[in-house]
N, C-alpha and C. Protein backbone atom coordinates (compact mmCIF):
# COMPACT_ATOMS: atom_id res chain seq x y z
N UNK A 1 42.72 16.62 37.12
CA UNK A 1 41.34 16.25 36.95
C UNK A 1 40.99 15.24 38.04
N UNK A 2 39.87 15.49 38.67
CA UNK A 2 39.49 14.60 39.78
C UNK A 2 38.74 13.38 39.24
N UNK A 3 38.61 12.40 40.08
CA UNK A 3 37.91 11.17 39.73
C UNK A 3 36.45 11.45 39.40
N UNK A 4 35.83 12.38 40.11
CA UNK A 4 34.44 12.75 39.87
C UNK A 4 34.28 13.34 38.46
N UNK A 5 35.21 14.17 38.05
CA UNK A 5 35.16 14.77 36.71
C UNK A 5 35.29 13.71 35.64
N UNK A 6 36.17 12.75 35.84
CA UNK A 6 36.37 11.67 34.88
C UNK A 6 35.09 10.83 34.77
N UNK A 7 34.48 10.52 35.90
CA UNK A 7 33.25 9.72 35.92
C UNK A 7 32.13 10.47 35.19
N UNK A 8 32.01 11.76 35.41
CA UNK A 8 30.98 12.57 34.76
C UNK A 8 31.22 12.60 33.25
N UNK A 9 32.47 12.78 32.84
CA UNK A 9 32.79 12.81 31.41
C UNK A 9 32.48 11.46 30.77
N UNK A 10 32.84 10.37 31.41
CA UNK A 10 32.57 9.03 30.89
C UNK A 10 31.06 8.81 30.76
N UNK A 11 30.31 9.23 31.78
CA UNK A 11 28.85 9.08 31.74
C UNK A 11 28.24 9.91 30.61
N UNK A 12 28.73 11.11 30.41
CA UNK A 12 28.24 11.95 29.32
C UNK A 12 28.55 11.35 27.95
N UNK A 13 29.75 10.80 27.81
CA UNK A 13 30.12 10.14 26.56
C UNK A 13 29.23 8.93 26.31
N UNK A 14 28.99 8.13 27.34
CA UNK A 14 28.12 6.96 27.21
C UNK A 14 26.68 7.38 26.88
N UNK A 15 26.21 8.42 27.51
CA UNK A 15 24.87 8.92 27.24
C UNK A 15 24.76 9.43 25.80
N UNK A 16 25.77 10.13 25.32
CA UNK A 16 25.79 10.63 23.94
C UNK A 16 25.83 9.45 22.96
N UNK A 17 26.64 8.44 23.26
CA UNK A 17 26.71 7.26 22.39
C UNK A 17 25.37 6.53 22.35
N UNK A 18 24.70 6.45 23.48
CA UNK A 18 23.38 5.81 23.54
C UNK A 18 22.36 6.61 22.72
N UNK A 19 22.40 7.92 22.80
CA UNK A 19 21.49 8.78 22.03
C UNK A 19 21.74 8.60 20.53
N UNK A 20 23.00 8.49 20.14
CA UNK A 20 23.34 8.27 18.73
C UNK A 20 22.80 6.92 18.26
N UNK A 21 22.92 5.90 19.10
CA UNK A 21 22.39 4.57 18.74
C UNK A 21 20.87 4.63 18.57
N UNK A 22 20.18 5.33 19.47
CA UNK A 22 18.73 5.48 19.35
C UNK A 22 18.37 6.22 18.07
N UNK A 23 19.07 7.29 17.79
CA UNK A 23 18.82 8.08 16.59
C UNK A 23 18.98 7.21 15.33
N UNK A 24 20.08 6.47 15.27
CA UNK A 24 20.34 5.62 14.10
C UNK A 24 19.27 4.54 13.95
N UNK A 25 18.79 3.99 15.04
CA UNK A 25 17.73 2.98 14.98
C UNK A 25 16.45 3.61 14.44
N UNK A 26 16.13 4.81 14.87
CA UNK A 26 14.94 5.50 14.38
C UNK A 26 15.06 5.85 12.90
N UNK A 27 16.23 6.22 12.46
CA UNK A 27 16.46 6.51 11.05
C UNK A 27 16.26 5.25 10.22
N UNK A 28 16.77 4.11 10.69
CA UNK A 28 16.58 2.84 9.97
C UNK A 28 15.09 2.51 9.85
N UNK A 29 14.34 2.70 10.90
CA UNK A 29 12.90 2.43 10.86
C UNK A 29 12.18 3.35 9.89
N UNK A 30 12.54 4.63 9.92
CA UNK A 30 11.92 5.61 9.00
C UNK A 30 12.19 5.22 7.56
N UNK A 31 13.41 4.82 7.26
CA UNK A 31 13.75 4.42 5.90
C UNK A 31 13.13 3.07 5.54
N UNK A 32 12.91 2.22 6.54
CA UNK A 32 12.19 0.96 6.30
C UNK A 32 10.77 1.21 5.84
N UNK A 33 10.12 2.21 6.43
CA UNK A 33 8.77 2.59 6.00
C UNK A 33 8.81 3.10 4.56
N UNK A 34 9.77 3.94 4.24
CA UNK A 34 9.89 4.47 2.87
C UNK A 34 10.16 3.36 1.87
N UNK A 35 11.01 2.43 2.23
CA UNK A 35 11.33 1.31 1.34
C UNK A 35 10.10 0.45 1.12
N UNK A 36 9.36 0.16 2.19
CA UNK A 36 8.15 -0.66 2.07
C UNK A 36 7.12 0.03 1.18
N UNK A 37 6.99 1.35 1.33
CA UNK A 37 6.05 2.10 0.48
C UNK A 37 6.51 2.06 -0.98
N UNK A 38 7.80 2.19 -1.21
CA UNK A 38 8.32 2.15 -2.58
C UNK A 38 8.00 0.81 -3.25
N UNK A 39 8.06 -0.27 -2.49
CA UNK A 39 7.74 -1.58 -3.03
C UNK A 39 6.27 -1.66 -3.45
N UNK A 40 5.39 -1.06 -2.68
CA UNK A 40 3.97 -1.01 -3.04
C UNK A 40 3.79 -0.12 -4.26
N UNK A 41 4.45 1.01 -4.24
CA UNK A 41 4.34 2.00 -5.31
C UNK A 41 4.69 1.40 -6.67
N UNK A 42 5.73 0.59 -6.71
CA UNK A 42 6.15 -0.06 -7.95
C UNK A 42 5.03 -0.94 -8.49
N UNK A 43 4.42 -1.74 -7.62
CA UNK A 43 3.35 -2.64 -8.06
C UNK A 43 2.09 -1.87 -8.46
N UNK A 44 1.80 -0.79 -7.75
CA UNK A 44 0.64 0.03 -8.13
C UNK A 44 0.84 0.62 -9.51
N UNK A 45 2.05 1.07 -9.81
CA UNK A 45 2.33 1.63 -11.13
C UNK A 45 2.23 0.57 -12.21
N UNK A 46 2.72 -0.64 -11.92
CA UNK A 46 2.61 -1.72 -12.90
C UNK A 46 1.15 -2.04 -13.18
N UNK A 47 0.35 -2.13 -12.12
CA UNK A 47 -1.07 -2.41 -12.31
C UNK A 47 -1.74 -1.26 -13.05
N UNK A 48 -1.36 -0.04 -12.71
CA UNK A 48 -1.91 1.15 -13.36
C UNK A 48 -1.70 1.09 -14.87
N UNK A 49 -0.55 0.57 -15.29
CA UNK A 49 -0.24 0.46 -16.72
C UNK A 49 -1.03 -0.68 -17.39
N UNK A 50 -1.38 -1.71 -16.66
CA UNK A 50 -2.08 -2.86 -17.23
C UNK A 50 -3.59 -2.62 -17.36
N UNK A 51 -4.16 -1.81 -16.49
CA UNK A 51 -5.62 -1.63 -16.48
C UNK A 51 -6.19 -1.08 -17.78
N UNK A 52 -5.58 -0.08 -18.41
CA UNK A 52 -6.15 0.39 -19.68
C UNK A 52 -6.16 -0.71 -20.76
N UNK A 53 -5.16 -1.57 -20.75
CA UNK A 53 -5.13 -2.67 -21.70
C UNK A 53 -6.29 -3.62 -21.45
N UNK A 54 -6.55 -3.90 -20.18
CA UNK A 54 -7.66 -4.78 -19.82
C UNK A 54 -8.99 -4.17 -20.24
N UNK A 55 -9.18 -2.91 -19.92
CA UNK A 55 -10.44 -2.24 -20.27
C UNK A 55 -10.62 -2.21 -21.78
N UNK A 56 -9.56 -1.93 -22.52
CA UNK A 56 -9.65 -1.88 -23.98
C UNK A 56 -10.00 -3.26 -24.55
N UNK A 57 -9.40 -4.30 -24.01
CA UNK A 57 -9.73 -5.67 -24.45
C UNK A 57 -11.19 -5.98 -24.16
N UNK A 58 -11.66 -5.60 -22.97
CA UNK A 58 -13.05 -5.88 -22.59
C UNK A 58 -14.04 -5.07 -23.42
N UNK A 59 -13.68 -3.85 -23.80
CA UNK A 59 -14.58 -3.01 -24.59
C UNK A 59 -14.98 -3.69 -25.89
N UNK A 60 -14.07 -4.44 -26.46
CA UNK A 60 -14.34 -5.09 -27.73
C UNK A 60 -15.47 -6.12 -27.60
N UNK A 61 -15.65 -6.68 -26.42
CA UNK A 61 -16.63 -7.75 -26.23
C UNK A 61 -17.83 -7.33 -25.38
N UNK A 62 -17.62 -6.42 -24.46
CA UNK A 62 -18.63 -6.08 -23.46
C UNK A 62 -19.30 -4.74 -23.77
N UNK A 63 -19.97 -4.63 -24.88
CA UNK A 63 -20.60 -3.38 -25.28
C UNK A 63 -21.66 -2.92 -24.28
N UNK A 64 -22.31 -3.86 -23.60
CA UNK A 64 -23.42 -3.51 -22.71
C UNK A 64 -22.97 -3.29 -21.26
N UNK A 65 -21.69 -3.35 -21.00
CA UNK A 65 -21.18 -3.22 -19.63
C UNK A 65 -20.37 -1.94 -19.46
N UNK A 66 -20.76 -0.91 -20.16
CA UNK A 66 -20.02 0.35 -20.16
C UNK A 66 -19.86 0.93 -18.74
N UNK A 67 -20.91 0.83 -17.91
CA UNK A 67 -20.84 1.36 -16.55
C UNK A 67 -19.74 0.71 -15.73
N UNK A 68 -19.60 -0.60 -15.86
CA UNK A 68 -18.55 -1.32 -15.13
C UNK A 68 -17.17 -0.88 -15.61
N UNK A 69 -17.01 -0.76 -16.92
CA UNK A 69 -15.72 -0.34 -17.47
C UNK A 69 -15.37 1.08 -17.02
N UNK A 70 -16.37 1.97 -17.02
CA UNK A 70 -16.13 3.35 -16.59
C UNK A 70 -15.81 3.40 -15.10
N UNK A 71 -16.44 2.53 -14.30
CA UNK A 71 -16.16 2.49 -12.86
C UNK A 71 -14.71 2.08 -12.61
N UNK A 72 -14.22 1.12 -13.38
CA UNK A 72 -12.82 0.68 -13.23
C UNK A 72 -11.88 1.82 -13.61
N UNK A 73 -12.19 2.53 -14.68
CA UNK A 73 -11.35 3.65 -15.11
C UNK A 73 -11.34 4.76 -14.05
N UNK A 74 -12.51 5.08 -13.51
CA UNK A 74 -12.60 6.12 -12.47
C UNK A 74 -11.85 5.70 -11.21
N UNK A 75 -11.98 4.44 -10.84
CA UNK A 75 -11.28 3.95 -9.64
C UNK A 75 -9.76 3.98 -9.86
N UNK A 76 -9.33 3.68 -11.07
CA UNK A 76 -7.90 3.73 -11.41
C UNK A 76 -7.37 5.15 -11.21
N UNK A 77 -8.15 6.14 -11.66
CA UNK A 77 -7.76 7.54 -11.50
C UNK A 77 -7.71 7.93 -10.02
N UNK A 78 -8.67 7.45 -9.23
CA UNK A 78 -8.69 7.77 -7.80
C UNK A 78 -7.47 7.20 -7.10
N UNK A 79 -7.08 5.97 -7.46
CA UNK A 79 -5.88 5.36 -6.88
C UNK A 79 -4.65 6.17 -7.26
N UNK A 80 -4.57 6.55 -8.52
CA UNK A 80 -3.42 7.31 -8.99
C UNK A 80 -3.31 8.65 -8.28
N UNK A 81 -4.43 9.31 -8.09
CA UNK A 81 -4.44 10.61 -7.42
C UNK A 81 -4.02 10.48 -5.95
N UNK A 82 -4.58 9.50 -5.26
CA UNK A 82 -4.23 9.30 -3.85
C UNK A 82 -2.77 8.89 -3.70
N UNK A 83 -2.30 8.09 -4.63
CA UNK A 83 -0.91 7.64 -4.62
C UNK A 83 0.03 8.82 -4.80
N UNK A 84 -0.30 9.70 -5.73
CA UNK A 84 0.54 10.87 -5.99
C UNK A 84 0.61 11.80 -4.78
N UNK A 85 -0.51 11.90 -4.05
CA UNK A 85 -0.56 12.75 -2.86
C UNK A 85 0.05 12.08 -1.64
N UNK A 86 0.24 10.76 -1.69
CA UNK A 86 0.74 10.03 -0.53
C UNK A 86 -0.29 9.96 0.58
N UNK A 87 -1.56 10.07 0.23
CA UNK A 87 -2.65 10.05 1.21
C UNK A 87 -3.10 8.60 1.43
N UNK A 88 -2.64 7.99 2.53
CA UNK A 88 -2.91 6.58 2.78
C UNK A 88 -4.40 6.30 3.00
N UNK A 89 -5.12 7.21 3.64
CA UNK A 89 -6.55 7.00 3.84
C UNK A 89 -7.30 7.00 2.52
N UNK A 90 -7.02 7.98 1.68
CA UNK A 90 -7.67 8.05 0.36
C UNK A 90 -7.25 6.88 -0.51
N UNK A 91 -6.00 6.47 -0.41
CA UNK A 91 -5.52 5.34 -1.19
C UNK A 91 -6.24 4.06 -0.79
N UNK A 92 -6.42 3.86 0.49
CA UNK A 92 -7.14 2.67 0.97
C UNK A 92 -8.55 2.63 0.42
N UNK A 93 -9.25 3.76 0.45
CA UNK A 93 -10.62 3.83 -0.08
C UNK A 93 -10.64 3.62 -1.59
N UNK A 94 -9.70 4.23 -2.29
CA UNK A 94 -9.64 4.09 -3.74
C UNK A 94 -9.31 2.66 -4.14
N UNK A 95 -8.40 2.04 -3.40
CA UNK A 95 -8.04 0.64 -3.66
C UNK A 95 -9.26 -0.26 -3.48
N UNK A 96 -10.05 0.01 -2.46
CA UNK A 96 -11.27 -0.77 -2.22
C UNK A 96 -12.20 -0.66 -3.42
N UNK A 97 -12.39 0.54 -3.92
CA UNK A 97 -13.24 0.75 -5.08
C UNK A 97 -12.70 0.07 -6.33
N UNK A 98 -11.39 0.14 -6.52
CA UNK A 98 -10.79 -0.48 -7.69
C UNK A 98 -10.91 -2.00 -7.62
N UNK A 99 -10.64 -2.56 -6.46
CA UNK A 99 -10.74 -4.01 -6.31
C UNK A 99 -12.18 -4.48 -6.54
N UNK A 100 -13.14 -3.72 -6.05
CA UNK A 100 -14.55 -4.08 -6.25
C UNK A 100 -14.89 -4.01 -7.75
N UNK A 101 -14.42 -2.97 -8.42
CA UNK A 101 -14.68 -2.84 -9.85
C UNK A 101 -14.04 -3.95 -10.66
N UNK A 102 -12.82 -4.32 -10.31
CA UNK A 102 -12.16 -5.42 -11.01
C UNK A 102 -12.87 -6.74 -10.76
N UNK A 103 -13.31 -6.94 -9.51
CA UNK A 103 -14.05 -8.16 -9.19
C UNK A 103 -15.32 -8.26 -10.02
N UNK A 104 -16.01 -7.14 -10.13
CA UNK A 104 -17.24 -7.13 -10.92
C UNK A 104 -16.92 -7.35 -12.41
N UNK A 105 -15.86 -6.73 -12.89
CA UNK A 105 -15.46 -6.89 -14.28
C UNK A 105 -15.12 -8.35 -14.59
N UNK A 106 -14.34 -8.97 -13.74
CA UNK A 106 -13.97 -10.37 -13.96
C UNK A 106 -15.19 -11.28 -13.84
N UNK A 107 -16.12 -10.96 -12.95
CA UNK A 107 -17.34 -11.76 -12.83
C UNK A 107 -18.21 -11.60 -14.07
N UNK A 108 -18.33 -10.39 -14.57
CA UNK A 108 -19.13 -10.16 -15.79
C UNK A 108 -18.50 -10.83 -17.01
N UNK A 109 -17.19 -10.95 -17.01
CA UNK A 109 -16.50 -11.60 -18.14
C UNK A 109 -16.97 -13.04 -18.31
N UNK A 110 -17.47 -13.64 -17.23
CA UNK A 110 -17.99 -15.00 -17.31
C UNK A 110 -19.15 -15.09 -18.30
N UNK A 111 -19.86 -13.99 -18.51
CA UNK A 111 -21.01 -13.96 -19.42
C UNK A 111 -20.59 -13.81 -20.88
N UNK A 112 -19.31 -13.66 -21.14
CA UNK A 112 -18.80 -13.43 -22.49
C UNK A 112 -17.76 -14.49 -22.83
N UNK A 113 -18.20 -15.63 -23.36
CA UNK A 113 -17.27 -16.74 -23.64
C UNK A 113 -16.14 -16.35 -24.59
N UNK A 114 -16.43 -15.48 -25.56
CA UNK A 114 -15.38 -15.07 -26.49
C UNK A 114 -14.29 -14.28 -25.76
N UNK A 115 -14.72 -13.44 -24.81
CA UNK A 115 -13.77 -12.65 -24.03
C UNK A 115 -12.93 -13.57 -23.14
N UNK A 116 -13.60 -14.49 -22.46
CA UNK A 116 -12.87 -15.43 -21.59
C UNK A 116 -11.84 -16.23 -22.37
N UNK A 117 -12.13 -16.52 -23.63
CA UNK A 117 -11.22 -17.31 -24.45
C UNK A 117 -10.10 -16.47 -25.07
N UNK A 118 -10.25 -15.16 -25.02
CA UNK A 118 -9.27 -14.25 -25.61
C UNK A 118 -7.95 -14.37 -24.84
N UNK A 119 -6.88 -14.65 -25.58
CA UNK A 119 -5.57 -14.86 -24.96
C UNK A 119 -5.07 -13.59 -24.25
N UNK A 120 -5.31 -12.46 -24.86
CA UNK A 120 -4.88 -11.19 -24.26
C UNK A 120 -5.62 -10.97 -22.93
N UNK A 121 -6.93 -11.22 -22.90
CA UNK A 121 -7.71 -11.07 -21.67
C UNK A 121 -7.20 -12.01 -20.60
N UNK A 122 -6.95 -13.26 -20.96
CA UNK A 122 -6.46 -14.23 -19.98
C UNK A 122 -5.13 -13.79 -19.39
N UNK A 123 -4.24 -13.33 -20.28
CA UNK A 123 -2.92 -12.87 -19.80
C UNK A 123 -3.07 -11.67 -18.87
N UNK A 124 -3.89 -10.69 -19.26
CA UNK A 124 -4.06 -9.49 -18.44
C UNK A 124 -4.73 -9.83 -17.11
N UNK A 125 -5.72 -10.73 -17.14
CA UNK A 125 -6.39 -11.13 -15.91
C UNK A 125 -5.40 -11.79 -14.95
N UNK A 126 -4.57 -12.68 -15.46
CA UNK A 126 -3.56 -13.33 -14.63
C UNK A 126 -2.54 -12.32 -14.11
N UNK A 127 -2.12 -11.42 -14.98
CA UNK A 127 -1.11 -10.41 -14.59
C UNK A 127 -1.66 -9.50 -13.49
N UNK A 128 -2.89 -9.02 -13.67
CA UNK A 128 -3.49 -8.11 -12.69
C UNK A 128 -3.77 -8.86 -11.38
N UNK A 129 -4.22 -10.09 -11.47
CA UNK A 129 -4.45 -10.88 -10.25
C UNK A 129 -3.14 -11.10 -9.50
N UNK A 130 -2.08 -11.38 -10.24
CA UNK A 130 -0.76 -11.53 -9.61
C UNK A 130 -0.29 -10.24 -8.95
N UNK A 131 -0.52 -9.12 -9.61
CA UNK A 131 -0.15 -7.83 -9.03
C UNK A 131 -0.98 -7.54 -7.79
N UNK A 132 -2.28 -7.89 -7.82
CA UNK A 132 -3.14 -7.70 -6.64
C UNK A 132 -2.60 -8.47 -5.45
N UNK A 133 -2.20 -9.71 -5.70
CA UNK A 133 -1.64 -10.52 -4.61
C UNK A 133 -0.34 -9.93 -4.09
N UNK A 134 0.49 -9.45 -5.01
CA UNK A 134 1.75 -8.81 -4.60
C UNK A 134 1.51 -7.55 -3.79
N UNK A 135 0.52 -6.75 -4.20
CA UNK A 135 0.19 -5.53 -3.46
C UNK A 135 -0.28 -5.88 -2.05
N UNK A 136 -1.10 -6.91 -1.95
CA UNK A 136 -1.59 -7.34 -0.62
C UNK A 136 -0.43 -7.78 0.26
N UNK A 137 0.51 -8.53 -0.30
CA UNK A 137 1.68 -8.97 0.48
C UNK A 137 2.53 -7.78 0.91
N UNK A 138 2.76 -6.87 -0.02
CA UNK A 138 3.59 -5.71 0.30
C UNK A 138 2.88 -4.75 1.24
N UNK A 139 1.56 -4.69 1.17
CA UNK A 139 0.81 -3.86 2.12
C UNK A 139 1.03 -4.37 3.54
N UNK A 140 1.06 -5.67 3.69
CA UNK A 140 1.31 -6.26 5.01
C UNK A 140 2.70 -5.88 5.52
N UNK A 141 3.69 -5.95 4.65
CA UNK A 141 5.06 -5.57 5.03
C UNK A 141 5.15 -4.08 5.35
N UNK A 142 4.47 -3.27 4.55
CA UNK A 142 4.46 -1.82 4.80
C UNK A 142 3.85 -1.52 6.16
N UNK A 143 2.69 -2.11 6.43
CA UNK A 143 2.02 -1.85 7.70
C UNK A 143 2.85 -2.32 8.89
N UNK A 144 3.59 -3.39 8.71
CA UNK A 144 4.49 -3.86 9.78
C UNK A 144 5.61 -2.84 10.00
N UNK A 145 6.19 -2.32 8.92
CA UNK A 145 7.24 -1.30 9.04
C UNK A 145 6.70 -0.04 9.72
N UNK A 146 5.48 0.36 9.34
CA UNK A 146 4.85 1.53 9.95
C UNK A 146 4.62 1.29 11.44
N UNK A 147 4.13 0.12 11.78
CA UNK A 147 3.87 -0.20 13.18
C UNK A 147 5.15 -0.17 14.00
N UNK A 148 6.21 -0.77 13.50
CA UNK A 148 7.49 -0.74 14.21
C UNK A 148 7.98 0.70 14.41
N UNK A 149 7.87 1.51 13.37
CA UNK A 149 8.27 2.91 13.46
C UNK A 149 7.44 3.65 14.50
N UNK A 150 6.12 3.50 14.42
CA UNK A 150 5.24 4.25 15.31
C UNK A 150 5.39 3.85 16.77
N UNK A 151 5.59 2.57 17.02
CA UNK A 151 5.79 2.12 18.40
C UNK A 151 7.11 2.66 18.94
N UNK A 152 8.14 2.58 18.13
CA UNK A 152 9.46 3.01 18.59
C UNK A 152 9.51 4.50 18.93
N UNK A 153 8.85 5.34 18.11
CA UNK A 153 8.94 6.78 18.39
C UNK A 153 8.08 7.19 19.58
N UNK A 154 7.26 6.26 20.09
CA UNK A 154 6.46 6.56 21.29
C UNK A 154 7.05 5.95 22.55
N UNK A 155 7.99 5.03 22.42
CA UNK A 155 8.57 4.37 23.58
C UNK A 155 9.64 5.24 24.25
N UNK A 156 9.70 5.08 25.54
CA UNK A 156 10.76 5.76 26.29
C UNK A 156 11.99 4.87 26.27
N UNK A 157 13.16 5.36 26.04
CA UNK A 157 13.63 6.73 25.91
C UNK A 157 13.66 7.22 24.46
N UNK A 158 13.23 6.38 23.52
CA UNK A 158 13.27 6.75 22.11
C UNK A 158 12.46 8.01 21.82
N UNK A 159 11.37 8.20 22.55
CA UNK A 159 10.50 9.35 22.34
C UNK A 159 11.27 10.66 22.52
N UNK A 160 12.23 10.68 23.39
CA UNK A 160 13.02 11.89 23.62
C UNK A 160 13.81 12.25 22.36
N UNK A 161 14.49 11.25 21.80
CA UNK A 161 15.26 11.48 20.57
C UNK A 161 14.31 11.77 19.41
N UNK A 162 13.20 11.03 19.33
CA UNK A 162 12.23 11.22 18.23
C UNK A 162 11.68 12.63 18.23
N UNK A 163 11.34 13.14 19.38
CA UNK A 163 10.80 14.50 19.44
C UNK A 163 11.88 15.54 19.15
N UNK A 164 13.08 15.28 19.65
CA UNK A 164 14.17 16.24 19.43
C UNK A 164 14.50 16.40 17.95
N UNK A 165 14.34 15.31 17.19
CA UNK A 165 14.69 15.35 15.77
C UNK A 165 13.45 15.27 14.87
N UNK A 166 12.29 15.51 15.42
CA UNK A 166 11.01 15.62 14.69
C UNK A 166 10.68 14.39 13.84
N UNK A 167 10.90 13.20 14.40
CA UNK A 167 10.46 11.99 13.72
C UNK A 167 8.94 11.96 13.77
N UNK A 168 8.33 11.60 12.65
CA UNK A 168 6.87 11.63 12.54
C UNK A 168 6.29 10.23 12.48
N UNK A 169 5.05 10.13 12.94
CA UNK A 169 4.30 8.89 12.85
C UNK A 169 3.91 8.69 11.38
N UNK A 170 3.93 7.45 10.92
CA UNK A 170 3.52 7.14 9.54
C UNK A 170 2.11 6.56 9.58
N UNK A 171 1.40 6.69 8.46
CA UNK A 171 0.01 6.20 8.37
C UNK A 171 -0.02 4.78 7.83
N UNK A 172 -0.87 3.96 8.42
CA UNK A 172 -1.09 2.61 7.94
C UNK A 172 -1.87 2.66 6.63
N UNK A 173 -1.69 1.67 5.79
CA UNK A 173 -2.47 1.53 4.56
C UNK A 173 -3.56 0.52 4.85
N UNK A 174 -4.78 1.02 5.04
CA UNK A 174 -5.90 0.17 5.40
C UNK A 174 -6.99 0.26 4.35
N UNK A 175 -7.66 -0.86 4.15
CA UNK A 175 -8.78 -0.91 3.23
C UNK A 175 -10.06 -0.91 4.04
N UNK A 176 -11.14 -0.52 3.42
CA UNK A 176 -12.42 -0.41 4.13
C UNK A 176 -12.95 -1.77 4.53
N UNK A 177 -13.94 -1.75 5.40
CA UNK A 177 -14.57 -2.98 5.86
C UNK A 177 -15.16 -3.77 4.71
N UNK A 178 -15.65 -3.08 3.69
CA UNK A 178 -16.21 -3.76 2.53
C UNK A 178 -15.18 -4.63 1.83
N UNK A 179 -13.92 -4.22 1.87
CA UNK A 179 -12.84 -4.98 1.25
C UNK A 179 -12.62 -6.30 1.99
N UNK A 180 -12.87 -6.29 3.28
CA UNK A 180 -12.61 -7.48 4.09
C UNK A 180 -13.81 -8.42 4.15
N UNK A 181 -14.97 -7.94 3.75
CA UNK A 181 -16.19 -8.74 3.85
C UNK A 181 -16.19 -9.86 2.81
N UNK A 182 -16.96 -10.92 3.09
CA UNK A 182 -17.11 -12.01 2.15
C UNK A 182 -17.80 -11.50 0.89
N UNK A 183 -17.40 -12.04 -0.23
CA UNK A 183 -18.00 -11.66 -1.51
C UNK A 183 -19.31 -12.40 -1.71
N UNK A 184 -20.35 -11.67 -2.10
CA UNK A 184 -21.65 -12.28 -2.40
C UNK A 184 -21.64 -12.65 -3.88
N UNK A 185 -21.29 -13.90 -4.16
CA UNK A 185 -21.16 -14.34 -5.55
C UNK A 185 -22.49 -14.31 -6.29
N UNK A 186 -23.60 -14.55 -5.59
CA UNK A 186 -24.90 -14.54 -6.25
C UNK A 186 -25.20 -13.15 -6.83
N UNK A 187 -24.84 -12.11 -6.09
CA UNK A 187 -25.10 -10.76 -6.60
C UNK A 187 -24.23 -10.44 -7.81
N UNK A 188 -23.03 -11.01 -7.85
CA UNK A 188 -22.15 -10.75 -8.98
C UNK A 188 -22.64 -11.43 -10.25
N UNK A 189 -23.30 -12.58 -10.10
CA UNK A 189 -23.76 -13.32 -11.26
C UNK A 189 -25.25 -13.14 -11.51
N UNK A 190 -25.90 -12.29 -10.66
CA UNK A 190 -27.33 -12.11 -10.79
C UNK A 190 -27.74 -11.20 -11.89
């Protein structure tokens, strides 16, 4: 075997080892996105289970706010449907609607002193607010994992391995502009 053959074989082995390292890094990123989504999914399911309890507690006191209660129920169903489909765009829109409905529900509760004093309502409000904060935190982590994945599969030389093994871009979980806008408290209490 000549020196040239040995050099070529060593270079091919090094190139193959480098490709394996790139592949493994892309796999870790892909699974990081899945893990981040699973963390959001758990909190969405927990909140999904708490919402009917909140609505039922509010129904006892808020007889004249049926539209608000129905909007929360409909938004809950939209979130559940988008979540089941894994449709990040629809989930973002549904989450925006649900958050708006919950904000309105909690604001309207201010008009019902008996409801505000209800221990079950207070517990559910705190629980749902805590879950909302957790979802927001986990959404940030998910979007960071998605961003790292998407950048890596477009960078050279990773793009070669990504295309060869059909690594796909993941979708960010974004909420609408209305979700980011300042809340008009006067309209909520008007």
